[in-house]
Amino acid sequence: MTEDKLTQEEKVTLPAIKDMADLDDYDEEFYKLLKTQSYPSVPEVDDQIRRAIFKFISSYSQTMVEVRRTGEVRQDETVTTALTVCLLKGYELGRKLRWPLTKKRR
């Protein structure tokens, strides 16, 4: 019996495809809480922290571009997946670090 394995392209885009297929099936209370969250404006974020974030997103988006070149991946699915991954990674990092992005760590 052969194993059906997902390709890298499928692994990257499957969550976004599933999420975009049913936008009405979500946690409404959590969504409302997300909308109430404030965030620093770009100039408020420490310059080096902002550049580190930019570099991370740039390197991740480059990976997504490589995946897109290997097959038929729609642009909106790729962008949605990339943004979701960056958001979740940022959330986890924020929980670990417990210091604001608006001031230097040093």
N, C-alpha and C. Protein backbone atom coordinates (compact mmCIF):
# COMPACT_ATOMS: atom_id res chain seq x y z
N MET A 1 0.84 -1.18 0.00
CA MET A 1 0.00 0.00 0.00
C MET A 1 0.89 1.25 0.00
N THR A 2 0.58 2.17 -0.87
CA THR A 2 1.39 3.38 -0.94
C THR A 2 0.82 4.45 -0.02
N GLU A 3 1.73 5.26 0.47
CA GLU A 3 1.34 6.36 1.35
C GLU A 3 1.15 7.61 0.52
N ASP A 4 0.03 8.28 0.71
CA ASP A 4 -0.19 9.56 0.05
C ASP A 4 0.41 10.64 0.93
N LYS A 5 1.47 11.26 0.44
CA LYS A 5 2.11 12.34 1.20
C LYS A 5 1.81 13.67 0.53
N LEU A 6 1.65 14.67 1.37
CA LEU A 6 1.42 16.01 0.84
C LEU A 6 2.72 16.58 0.30
N THR A 7 2.63 17.28 -0.81
CA THR A 7 3.79 17.98 -1.33
C THR A 7 4.03 19.20 -0.47
N GLN A 8 5.20 19.83 -0.60
CA GLN A 8 5.50 21.05 0.16
C GLN A 8 4.49 22.15 -0.18
N GLU A 9 4.14 22.23 -1.44
CA GLU A 9 3.16 23.22 -1.89
C GLU A 9 1.83 23.02 -1.17
N GLU A 10 1.38 21.77 -1.07
CA GLU A 10 0.12 21.48 -0.40
C GLU A 10 0.19 21.77 1.09
N LYS A 11 1.32 21.44 1.71
CA LYS A 11 1.49 21.72 3.15
C LYS A 11 1.41 23.21 3.43
N VAL A 12 1.96 24.01 2.54
CA VAL A 12 2.01 25.45 2.74
C VAL A 12 0.65 26.09 2.52
N THR A 13 -0.08 25.65 1.52
CA THR A 13 -1.31 26.34 1.16
C THR A 13 -2.59 25.71 1.70
N LEU A 14 -2.55 24.46 2.15
CA LEU A 14 -3.76 23.78 2.60
C LEU A 14 -4.50 24.53 3.70
N PRO A 15 -3.81 25.02 4.76
CA PRO A 15 -4.56 25.76 5.79
C PRO A 15 -5.28 26.99 5.23
N ALA A 16 -4.64 27.73 4.36
CA ALA A 16 -5.27 28.93 3.80
C ALA A 16 -6.44 28.55 2.90
N ILE A 17 -6.29 27.49 2.13
CA ILE A 17 -7.39 27.04 1.26
C ILE A 17 -8.59 26.66 2.11
N LYS A 18 -8.34 25.91 3.18
CA LYS A 18 -9.42 25.50 4.07
C LYS A 18 -10.06 26.71 4.76
N ASP A 19 -9.24 27.64 5.23
CA ASP A 19 -9.75 28.80 5.94
C ASP A 19 -10.55 29.72 5.02
N MET A 20 -10.08 29.88 3.79
CA MET A 20 -10.76 30.77 2.86
C MET A 20 -12.05 30.16 2.33
N ALA A 21 -12.19 28.85 2.44
CA ALA A 21 -13.38 28.18 1.93
C ALA A 21 -14.60 28.44 2.81
N ASP A 22 -14.38 28.67 4.10
CA ASP A 22 -15.50 28.87 5.00
C ASP A 22 -15.18 29.99 6.00
N LEU A 23 -15.34 31.21 5.55
CA LEU A 23 -15.03 32.36 6.39
C LEU A 23 -16.05 32.60 7.49
N ASP A 24 -17.19 31.90 7.43
CA ASP A 24 -18.22 32.09 8.45
C ASP A 24 -18.06 31.15 9.64
N ASP A 25 -17.16 30.19 9.56
CA ASP A 25 -16.95 29.23 10.64
C ASP A 25 -15.70 29.65 11.43
N TYR A 26 -15.90 30.53 12.41
CA TYR A 26 -14.78 31.04 13.18
C TYR A 26 -15.25 31.34 14.61
N ASP A 27 -14.31 31.57 15.49
CA ASP A 27 -14.61 31.91 16.87
C ASP A 27 -14.91 33.41 16.94
N GLU A 28 -16.19 33.75 16.99
CA GLU A 28 -16.60 35.15 16.92
C GLU A 28 -16.09 35.96 18.11
N GLU A 29 -16.11 35.37 19.30
CA GLU A 29 -15.64 36.08 20.49
C GLU A 29 -14.15 36.40 20.39
N PHE A 30 -13.37 35.43 19.93
CA PHE A 30 -11.94 35.66 19.76
C PHE A 30 -11.68 36.72 18.69
N TYR A 31 -12.46 36.68 17.62
CA TYR A 31 -12.33 37.68 16.56
C TYR A 31 -12.59 39.09 17.09
N LYS A 32 -13.63 39.22 17.92
CA LYS A 32 -13.93 40.52 18.51
C LYS A 32 -12.79 41.00 19.40
N LEU A 33 -12.21 40.08 20.16
CA LEU A 33 -11.07 40.45 21.00
C LEU A 33 -9.87 40.89 20.15
N LEU A 34 -9.63 40.19 19.06
CA LEU A 34 -8.54 40.57 18.16
C LEU A 34 -8.73 42.00 17.66
N LYS A 35 -9.95 42.34 17.32
CA LYS A 35 -10.22 43.68 16.78
C LYS A 35 -10.03 44.77 17.82
N THR A 36 -10.06 44.44 19.11
CA THR A 36 -9.90 45.46 20.14
C THR A 36 -8.44 45.69 20.52
N GLN A 37 -7.54 44.87 20.01
CA GLN A 37 -6.15 44.97 20.41
C GLN A 37 -5.48 46.17 19.76
N SER A 38 -4.74 46.91 20.54
CA SER A 38 -3.97 48.01 19.97
C SER A 38 -2.57 47.51 19.64
N TYR A 39 -1.92 48.20 18.79
CA TYR A 39 -0.57 47.82 18.40
C TYR A 39 0.23 49.10 18.16
N PRO A 40 1.54 49.01 18.30
CA PRO A 40 2.34 50.22 18.08
C PRO A 40 2.36 50.61 16.61
N SER A 41 2.45 51.90 16.37
CA SER A 41 2.60 52.34 14.99
C SER A 41 4.05 52.08 14.56
N VAL A 42 4.30 52.07 13.30
CA VAL A 42 5.63 51.75 12.78
C VAL A 42 6.73 52.62 13.40
N PRO A 43 6.57 53.94 13.49
CA PRO A 43 7.65 54.75 14.07
C PRO A 43 7.91 54.46 15.56
N GLU A 44 6.92 53.92 16.28
CA GLU A 44 7.09 53.64 17.70
C GLU A 44 7.95 52.40 17.97
N VAL A 45 8.02 51.50 17.00
CA VAL A 45 8.78 50.27 17.20
C VAL A 45 10.27 50.58 17.10
N ASP A 46 11.05 50.03 18.03
CA ASP A 46 12.49 50.21 18.01
C ASP A 46 13.03 49.89 16.62
N ASP A 47 13.94 50.73 16.12
CA ASP A 47 14.45 50.59 14.76
C ASP A 47 15.03 49.20 14.49
N GLN A 48 15.84 48.70 15.40
CA GLN A 48 16.48 47.39 15.16
C GLN A 48 15.47 46.25 15.25
N ILE A 49 14.50 46.37 16.15
CA ILE A 49 13.44 45.36 16.24
C ILE A 49 12.62 45.36 14.95
N ARG A 50 12.27 46.55 14.48
CA ARG A 50 11.48 46.66 13.25
C ARG A 50 12.22 46.04 12.08
N ARG A 51 13.54 46.31 12.00
CA ARG A 51 14.33 45.72 10.90
C ARG A 51 14.42 44.20 11.02
N ALA A 52 14.49 43.70 12.25
CA ALA A 52 14.52 42.24 12.45
C ALA A 52 13.20 41.62 12.00
N ILE A 53 12.08 42.28 12.32
CA ILE A 53 10.77 41.79 11.88
C ILE A 53 10.69 41.81 10.36
N PHE A 54 11.14 42.91 9.76
CA PHE A 54 11.12 43.02 8.31
C PHE A 54 11.97 41.93 7.66
N LYS A 55 13.15 41.68 8.24
CA LYS A 55 14.04 40.66 7.69
C LYS A 55 13.39 39.28 7.78
N PHE A 56 12.73 38.99 8.92
CA PHE A 56 12.07 37.70 9.08
C PHE A 56 10.96 37.52 8.05
N ILE A 57 10.11 38.54 7.92
CA ILE A 57 9.01 38.45 6.96
C ILE A 57 9.55 38.33 5.54
N SER A 58 10.60 39.08 5.23
CA SER A 58 11.20 39.00 3.89
C SER A 58 11.74 37.61 3.60
N SER A 59 12.44 37.02 4.56
CA SER A 59 13.00 35.68 4.32
C SER A 59 11.89 34.65 4.22
N TYR A 60 10.83 34.81 5.03
CA TYR A 60 9.73 33.86 4.95
C TYR A 60 8.98 34.03 3.63
N SER A 61 8.78 35.27 3.20
CA SER A 61 8.06 35.48 1.94
C SER A 61 8.87 34.95 0.77
N GLN A 62 10.20 34.98 0.88
CA GLN A 62 11.04 34.40 -0.18
C GLN A 62 10.82 32.90 -0.28
N THR A 63 10.67 32.23 0.86
CA THR A 63 10.36 30.80 0.86
C THR A 63 9.03 30.56 0.18
N MET A 64 8.05 31.42 0.46
CA MET A 64 6.74 31.27 -0.16
C MET A 64 6.82 31.47 -1.67
N VAL A 65 7.67 32.40 -2.12
CA VAL A 65 7.85 32.63 -3.55
C VAL A 65 8.42 31.37 -4.20
N GLU A 66 9.39 30.75 -3.54
CA GLU A 66 9.98 29.51 -4.07
C GLU A 66 8.93 28.42 -4.20
N VAL A 67 8.08 28.29 -3.20
CA VAL A 67 7.01 27.29 -3.24
C VAL A 67 6.05 27.59 -4.38
N ARG A 68 5.72 28.87 -4.56
CA ARG A 68 4.80 29.27 -5.62
C ARG A 68 5.36 28.91 -6.99
N ARG A 69 6.66 29.01 -7.16
CA ARG A 69 7.28 28.73 -8.46
C ARG A 69 7.18 27.25 -8.83
N THR A 70 7.01 26.39 -7.82
CA THR A 70 7.00 24.96 -8.08
C THR A 70 5.64 24.44 -8.54
N GLY A 71 4.61 25.25 -8.47
CA GLY A 71 3.30 24.77 -8.87
C GLY A 71 2.29 25.88 -8.99
N GLU A 72 1.07 25.47 -9.10
CA GLU A 72 -0.03 26.41 -9.28
C GLU A 72 -0.61 26.80 -7.92
N VAL A 73 0.00 27.78 -7.30
CA VAL A 73 -0.49 28.27 -6.02
C VAL A 73 -1.03 29.67 -6.23
N ARG A 74 -2.22 29.91 -5.74
CA ARG A 74 -2.82 31.23 -5.91
C ARG A 74 -2.19 32.24 -4.98
N GLN A 75 -2.08 33.45 -5.45
CA GLN A 75 -1.44 34.53 -4.70
C GLN A 75 -2.10 34.77 -3.35
N ASP A 76 -3.43 34.82 -3.31
CA ASP A 76 -4.11 35.14 -2.06
C ASP A 76 -3.89 34.05 -1.01
N GLU A 77 -3.84 32.80 -1.42
CA GLU A 77 -3.57 31.72 -0.47
C GLU A 77 -2.16 31.81 0.08
N THR A 78 -1.22 32.14 -0.79
CA THR A 78 0.17 32.26 -0.36
C THR A 78 0.34 33.38 0.66
N VAL A 79 -0.24 34.53 0.36
CA VAL A 79 -0.14 35.68 1.26
C VAL A 79 -0.82 35.38 2.59
N THR A 80 -2.00 34.78 2.54
CA THR A 80 -2.73 34.44 3.77
C THR A 80 -1.92 33.50 4.64
N THR A 81 -1.34 32.48 4.04
CA THR A 81 -0.53 31.53 4.79
C THR A 81 0.67 32.22 5.41
N ALA A 82 1.38 33.03 4.64
CA ALA A 82 2.57 33.71 5.13
C ALA A 82 2.23 34.63 6.31
N LEU A 83 1.18 35.41 6.18
CA LEU A 83 0.79 36.33 7.25
C LEU A 83 0.36 35.57 8.50
N THR A 84 -0.35 34.47 8.33
CA THR A 84 -0.78 33.67 9.47
C THR A 84 0.42 33.11 10.21
N VAL A 85 1.37 32.57 9.48
CA VAL A 85 2.58 32.02 10.10
C VAL A 85 3.33 33.11 10.85
N CYS A 86 3.52 34.26 10.23
CA CYS A 86 4.24 35.36 10.89
C CYS A 86 3.51 35.83 12.14
N LEU A 87 2.19 35.93 12.08
CA LEU A 87 1.41 36.34 13.24
C LEU A 87 1.59 35.36 14.38
N LEU A 88 1.48 34.07 14.09
CA LEU A 88 1.59 33.05 15.14
C LEU A 88 3.00 32.99 15.72
N LYS A 89 4.00 33.10 14.87
CA LYS A 89 5.39 33.11 15.37
C LYS A 89 5.63 34.33 16.24
N GLY A 90 5.12 35.49 15.81
CA GLY A 90 5.27 36.70 16.61
C GLY A 90 4.57 36.59 17.95
N TYR A 91 3.40 35.99 17.94
CA TYR A 91 2.64 35.81 19.19
C TYR A 91 3.43 34.94 20.16
N GLU A 92 3.95 33.82 19.68
CA GLU A 92 4.71 32.91 20.54
C GLU A 92 5.99 33.58 21.06
N LEU A 93 6.66 34.32 20.20
CA LEU A 93 7.88 35.01 20.62
C LEU A 93 7.55 36.05 21.68
N GLY A 94 6.48 36.80 21.48
CA GLY A 94 6.07 37.80 22.46
C GLY A 94 5.78 37.19 23.82
N ARG A 95 5.17 36.02 23.84
CA ARG A 95 4.90 35.33 25.10
C ARG A 95 6.19 34.93 25.80
N LYS A 96 7.17 34.52 25.03
CA LYS A 96 8.46 34.09 25.62
C LYS A 96 9.27 35.28 26.12
N LEU A 97 9.32 36.35 25.35
CA LEU A 97 10.20 37.47 25.67
C LEU A 97 9.65 38.39 26.75
N ARG A 98 8.38 38.68 26.71
CA ARG A 98 7.73 39.55 27.69
C ARG A 98 8.37 40.93 27.79
N TRP A 99 8.76 41.50 26.68
CA TRP A 99 9.23 42.88 26.67
C TRP A 99 8.67 43.58 25.44
N PRO A 100 8.36 44.86 25.57
CA PRO A 100 7.72 45.58 24.45
C PRO A 100 8.67 45.80 23.28
N LEU A 101 8.09 45.89 22.12
CA LEU A 101 8.87 46.13 20.89
C LEU A 101 9.24 47.60 20.73
N THR A 102 8.70 48.43 21.59
CA THR A 102 8.90 49.87 21.43
C THR A 102 10.11 50.40 22.17
N LYS A 103 10.84 49.56 22.85
CA LYS A 103 12.06 50.05 23.52
C LYS A 103 13.19 49.05 23.33
N LYS A 104 14.39 49.55 23.40
CA LYS A 104 15.57 48.70 23.24
C LYS A 104 15.70 47.75 24.41
N ARG A 105 16.21 46.55 24.14
CA ARG A 105 16.40 45.55 25.18
C ARG A 105 17.64 45.83 26.00
N ARG A 106 18.60 46.50 25.41
CA ARG A 106 19.91 46.68 26.03
C ARG A 106 19.88 47.56 27.22
